[in-house]
Amino acid sequence: MNVLIVDDEPLARERLERLLGGLGGHVVFPSCGDGRAAVEACAAGGVDAVLLDIEMPGMDGLEAARHLATLPSPPAVVFCTAYDDHALAAFEAAAVDYLLKPVRAERLEEALRRAAERRAGRVVAPTPPPSTRARSHLSARLRGSLRLIPVAEIRYLQAEEKYVVVHHARGEDLVEDSLKALELEFAGRFLRIHRSCLVARAQFAELKRLPDGSTHAVLRDGGIELEVSRRCLPGLREALAHL
């Protein structure tokens, strides 16, 4: 199998590489030090199994697993961690195994056997339930590839038919999440100004009343103006009063 090692500790990555070398029969991809790099590497294709740490800076292993599950051909995920208190969350993320550090060769071999069975379709991966922890990134499909959008860079979200357009610092992308689901997941970070639009709380520069009686929200970046519905206006004013 083609295996990707993901860990922010270089020594941990080196140890897993040595164990894989001793087992034989596997191709080890260039390792990654964080969850985002892992998702991007897997989106490029060719990875069968990921040995994934959990506690990492930026995007942690649990969030990375959620993004990996959205790929057209997701790799089998084996968590390798020094902590035993993430086991339930790991299996909820459809992991095939959960290994505690220091990883033993025989346990790694067993985990990779399970990963091979998952990839061969002999073990059906359960559908991961929605997580109660907000993501640090959204994943957008782009001509067959995957783009990760940092939530901190999102300016506003607009619903268009069955997609949501994410307007961010580097442009715009489509995601398949519903606007309501995003509002619930990121409660407090985004404020609803219209039934089809959420704006990042930090983006509000002012509320401007127009001669026709309508109100627009003016964003800090680019001076973009977005219409505020009459229904959302009272709640929006109250929320902005506490900024």
Protein backbone atom coordinates (compact mmCIF):
# COMPACT_ATOMS: atom_id res chain seq x y z
CA MET A 1 0.00 0.00 0.00
CA ASN A 2 0.95 3.62 -0.43
CA VAL A 3 1.21 5.10 3.07
CA LEU A 4 1.38 8.73 4.20
CA ILE A 5 2.75 9.58 7.67
CA VAL A 6 1.39 12.75 9.30
CA ASP A 7 2.89 14.02 12.56
CA ASP A 8 4.26 17.36 13.73
CA GLU A 9 7.15 15.60 15.51
CA PRO A 10 10.04 14.70 13.14
CA LEU A 11 11.24 11.91 15.44
CA ALA A 12 7.79 10.31 15.45
CA ARG A 13 7.68 10.42 11.64
CA GLU A 14 11.13 8.85 11.42
CA ARG A 15 10.19 6.04 13.81
CA LEU A 16 7.08 5.15 11.80
CA GLU A 17 9.13 5.19 8.60
CA ARG A 18 11.57 2.70 10.16
CA LEU A 19 8.73 0.45 11.30
CA LEU A 20 7.17 0.50 7.82
CA GLY A 21 10.56 -0.30 6.29
CA GLY A 22 10.86 -3.30 8.59
CA LEU A 23 7.41 -4.57 7.64
CA GLY A 24 8.10 -4.30 3.91
CA GLY A 25 5.61 -4.26 1.08
CA HIS A 26 4.64 -0.60 1.46
CA VAL A 27 5.53 2.60 -0.38
CA VAL A 28 6.04 5.51 2.02
CA PHE A 29 5.02 8.90 0.63
CA PRO A 30 6.88 12.08 1.72
CA SER A 31 5.58 12.76 5.23
CA CYS A 32 3.57 15.79 6.41
CA GLY A 33 3.73 17.83 9.59
CA ASP A 34 0.13 19.02 9.84
CA GLY A 35 -3.42 18.13 8.88
CA ARG A 36 -3.81 20.63 6.07
CA ALA A 37 -0.71 19.36 4.24
CA ALA A 38 -2.03 15.82 4.67
CA VAL A 39 -5.40 16.62 3.10
CA GLU A 40 -3.73 18.37 0.17
CA ALA A 41 -1.36 15.43 -0.35
CA CYS A 42 -4.23 12.92 -0.33
CA ALA A 43 -6.34 15.07 -2.63
CA ALA A 44 -3.55 14.79 -5.21
CA GLY A 45 -4.24 11.04 -5.26
CA GLY A 46 -2.34 7.81 -4.78
CA VAL A 47 -2.49 7.51 -0.98
CA ASP A 48 -4.06 4.29 0.31
CA ALA A 49 -3.57 4.74 4.06
CA VAL A 50 -2.71 7.61 6.39
CA LEU A 51 -0.94 7.23 9.73
CA LEU A 52 -2.35 10.34 11.35
CA ASP A 53 -1.41 12.08 14.58
CA ILE A 54 -4.22 13.93 16.38
CA GLU A 55 -2.69 16.74 18.43
CA MET A 56 -1.09 19.01 15.81
CA PRO A 57 -0.94 22.80 15.39
CA GLY A 58 -3.33 24.35 12.89
CA MET A 59 -5.60 21.65 11.53
CA ASP A 60 -5.57 18.68 13.91
CA GLY A 61 -5.90 15.03 12.91
CA LEU A 62 -9.61 14.73 13.69
CA GLU A 63 -10.51 17.62 11.41
CA ALA A 64 -8.15 16.33 8.73
CA ALA A 65 -9.97 12.97 8.84
CA ARG A 66 -13.29 14.74 8.27
CA HIS A 67 -11.89 16.42 5.14
CA LEU A 68 -10.31 13.18 3.93
CA ALA A 69 -13.69 11.44 4.17
CA THR A 70 -15.07 13.82 1.52
CA LEU A 71 -12.54 12.77 -1.14
CA PRO A 72 -13.83 10.67 -4.06
CA SER A 73 -11.53 7.80 -2.99
CA PRO A 74 -10.71 8.47 0.68
CA PRO A 75 -7.65 6.78 2.18
CA ALA A 76 -7.98 4.51 5.19
CA VAL A 77 -7.11 6.43 8.35
CA VAL A 78 -5.09 5.00 11.23
CA PHE A 79 -4.65 7.39 14.14
CA CYS A 80 -1.27 7.30 15.91
CA THR A 81 -1.30 9.36 19.10
CA ALA A 82 0.19 9.62 22.57
CA TYR A 83 -3.25 10.13 24.13
CA ASP A 84 -5.99 7.59 24.71
CA ASP A 85 -8.78 10.11 25.33
CA HIS A 86 -9.53 10.67 21.61
CA ALA A 87 -10.42 7.07 20.80
CA LEU A 88 -14.19 7.60 20.58
CA ALA A 89 -13.83 10.68 18.40
CA ALA A 90 -11.35 8.79 16.20
CA PHE A 91 -13.75 5.93 15.47
CA GLU A 92 -16.58 8.40 14.94
CA ALA A 93 -14.32 9.83 12.22
CA ALA A 94 -14.36 6.37 10.57
CA ALA A 95 -10.77 5.43 11.48
CA VAL A 96 -9.81 1.80 10.90
CA ASP A 97 -7.56 1.70 13.97
CA TYR A 98 -6.21 3.75 16.86
CA LEU A 99 -2.58 3.20 17.87
CA LEU A 100 -0.96 4.57 21.00
CA LYS A 101 2.63 5.81 20.87
CA PRO A 102 5.16 4.33 20.97
CA VAL A 103 3.63 2.29 18.16
CA ARG A 104 4.60 -1.39 18.15
CA ALA A 105 5.43 -3.13 14.88
CA GLU A 106 2.85 -5.88 15.35
CA ARG A 107 0.05 -3.36 16.03
CA LEU A 108 1.07 -1.31 13.02
CA GLU A 109 1.02 -4.41 10.84
CA GLU A 110 -2.47 -5.27 12.09
CA ALA A 111 -3.69 -1.72 11.47
CA LEU A 112 -2.36 -1.74 7.92
CA ARG A 113 -4.05 -5.08 7.28
CA ARG A 114 -7.34 -3.48 8.32
CA ALA A 115 -6.56 -0.49 6.13
CA ALA A 116 -5.96 -2.82 3.15
CA GLU A 117 -9.31 -4.52 3.79
CA ARG A 118 -11.03 -1.13 3.91
CA ARG A 119 -9.44 -0.13 0.63
CA ALA A 120 -10.40 -3.45 -0.95
CA GLY A 121 -14.01 -2.82 0.04
CA ARG A 122 -14.23 -5.79 2.40
CA VAL A 123 -14.88 -3.42 5.30
CA VAL A 124 -17.48 -0.70 4.72
CA ALA A 125 -16.52 2.63 6.22
CA PRO A 126 -19.25 4.07 8.45
CA THR A 127 -20.52 7.52 7.65
CA PRO A 128 -18.88 9.95 10.09
CA PRO A 129 -21.50 11.75 12.21
CA PRO A 130 -21.41 15.52 12.31
CA SER A 131 -18.83 16.85 14.74
CA THR A 132 -19.66 19.33 17.47
CA ARG A 133 -16.25 20.96 17.02
CA ALA A 134 -16.05 23.78 14.48
CA ARG A 135 -13.61 23.26 11.62
CA SER A 136 -10.63 25.53 11.01
CA HIS A 137 -11.06 25.11 7.24
CA LEU A 138 -13.84 24.52 4.72
CA SER A 139 -13.22 22.15 1.82
CA ALA A 140 -14.24 23.15 -1.70
CA ARG A 141 -14.20 21.01 -4.83
CA LEU A 142 -12.36 22.56 -7.76
CA ARG A 143 -12.28 20.66 -11.07
CA GLY A 144 -11.76 17.32 -9.38
CA SER A 145 -9.33 18.61 -6.74
CA LEU A 146 -9.87 19.85 -3.19
CA ARG A 147 -9.18 23.36 -1.93
CA LEU A 148 -8.96 24.16 1.77
CA ILE A 149 -10.24 27.59 2.81
CA PRO A 150 -9.18 28.92 6.23
CA VAL A 151 -12.33 29.96 8.10
CA ALA A 152 -10.42 32.98 9.47
CA GLU A 153 -10.09 34.30 5.88
CA ILE A 154 -13.79 34.09 5.01
CA ARG A 155 -15.50 37.45 4.54
CA TYR A 156 -19.05 36.33 3.78
CA LEU A 157 -21.09 33.33 2.66
CA GLN A 158 -23.89 33.48 0.10
CA ALA A 159 -26.38 30.75 -0.75
CA GLU A 160 -26.86 30.15 -4.48
CA GLU A 161 -29.21 27.31 -5.44
CA LYS A 162 -27.83 24.10 -3.85
CA TYR A 163 -24.36 25.53 -3.12
CA VAL A 164 -22.87 28.19 -0.89
CA VAL A 165 -20.38 30.66 -2.35
CA VAL A 166 -17.52 31.35 0.04
CA HIS A 167 -16.04 34.83 -0.46
CA HIS A 168 -12.60 34.92 1.10
CA ALA A 169 -9.29 36.76 1.01
CA ARG A 170 -8.08 34.88 -2.10
CA GLY A 171 -11.28 34.89 -4.14
CA GLU A 172 -14.38 32.73 -4.02
CA ASP A 173 -15.22 29.02 -4.03
CA LEU A 174 -18.29 26.78 -3.88
CA VAL A 175 -18.94 24.44 -0.95
CA GLU A 176 -21.70 21.88 -0.53
CA ASP A 177 -22.49 22.76 3.10
CA SER A 178 -25.85 24.44 3.67
CA LEU A 179 -25.92 28.02 4.93
CA LYS A 180 -27.93 26.93 7.98
CA ALA A 181 -25.39 24.22 8.86
CA LEU A 182 -22.53 26.72 8.58
CA GLU A 183 -24.40 29.20 10.76
CA LEU A 184 -24.84 26.55 13.46
CA GLU A 185 -21.27 25.23 13.25
CA PHE A 186 -19.68 28.66 13.44
CA ALA A 187 -22.14 30.30 15.82
CA GLY A 188 -20.81 33.70 16.83
CA ARG A 189 -18.24 33.98 14.02
CA PHE A 190 -20.79 34.81 11.30
CA LEU A 191 -23.91 36.99 11.52
CA ARG A 192 -26.94 36.56 9.30
CA ILE A 193 -27.89 39.67 7.33
CA HIS A 194 -30.28 38.00 4.91
CA ARG A 195 -31.87 34.59 4.48
CA SER A 196 -29.19 33.87 1.87
CA CYS A 197 -26.14 35.59 3.40
CA LEU A 198 -23.85 35.33 6.44
CA VAL A 199 -21.10 37.86 7.12
CA ALA A 200 -18.01 37.40 9.29
CA ARG A 201 -18.48 39.40 12.48
CA ALA A 202 -15.02 40.98 12.10
CA GLN A 203 -15.91 42.26 8.60
CA PHE A 204 -18.61 44.74 9.63
CA ALA A 205 -17.49 48.35 9.12
CA GLU A 206 -20.91 50.03 9.30
CA LEU A 207 -24.61 49.73 8.58
CA LYS A 208 -25.61 52.31 5.96
CA ARG A 209 -29.19 53.41 5.42
CA LEU A 210 -30.02 54.25 1.81
CA PRO A 211 -32.49 56.90 0.59
CA ASP A 212 -34.97 54.20 -0.43
CA GLY A 213 -35.15 53.04 3.19
CA SER A 214 -33.10 49.86 2.75
CA THR A 215 -30.02 49.10 4.84
CA HIS A 216 -26.67 47.81 3.60
CA ALA A 217 -23.79 46.28 5.53
CA VAL A 218 -20.44 47.77 4.52
CA LEU A 219 -17.52 45.36 4.82
CA ARG A 220 -14.05 46.38 5.98
CA ASP A 221 -12.23 44.61 3.16
CA GLY A 222 -12.97 46.09 -0.24
CA GLY A 223 -15.82 48.29 0.94
CA ILE A 224 -18.32 45.71 -0.32
CA GLU A 225 -21.97 46.55 0.39
CA LEU A 226 -24.50 43.79 1.04
CA GLU A 227 -28.22 44.22 1.51
CA VAL A 228 -29.62 43.58 5.01
CA SER A 229 -33.16 42.24 5.14
CA ARG A 230 -35.74 43.96 7.35
CA ARG A 231 -36.24 40.70 9.24
CA CYS A 232 -32.55 40.39 10.15
CA LEU A 233 -31.90 44.06 10.89
CA PRO A 234 -33.03 44.24 14.57
CA GLY A 235 -31.02 41.18 15.60
CA LEU A 236 -28.01 42.36 13.60
CA ARG A 237 -28.06 45.78 15.26
CA GLU A 238 -28.19 44.16 18.69
CA ALA A 239 -25.30 41.83 17.87
CA LEU A 240 -23.15 44.65 16.49
CA ALA A 241 -23.80 46.77 19.57
CA HIS A 242 -21.75 44.24 21.57
CA LEU A 243 -18.72 44.23 19.25
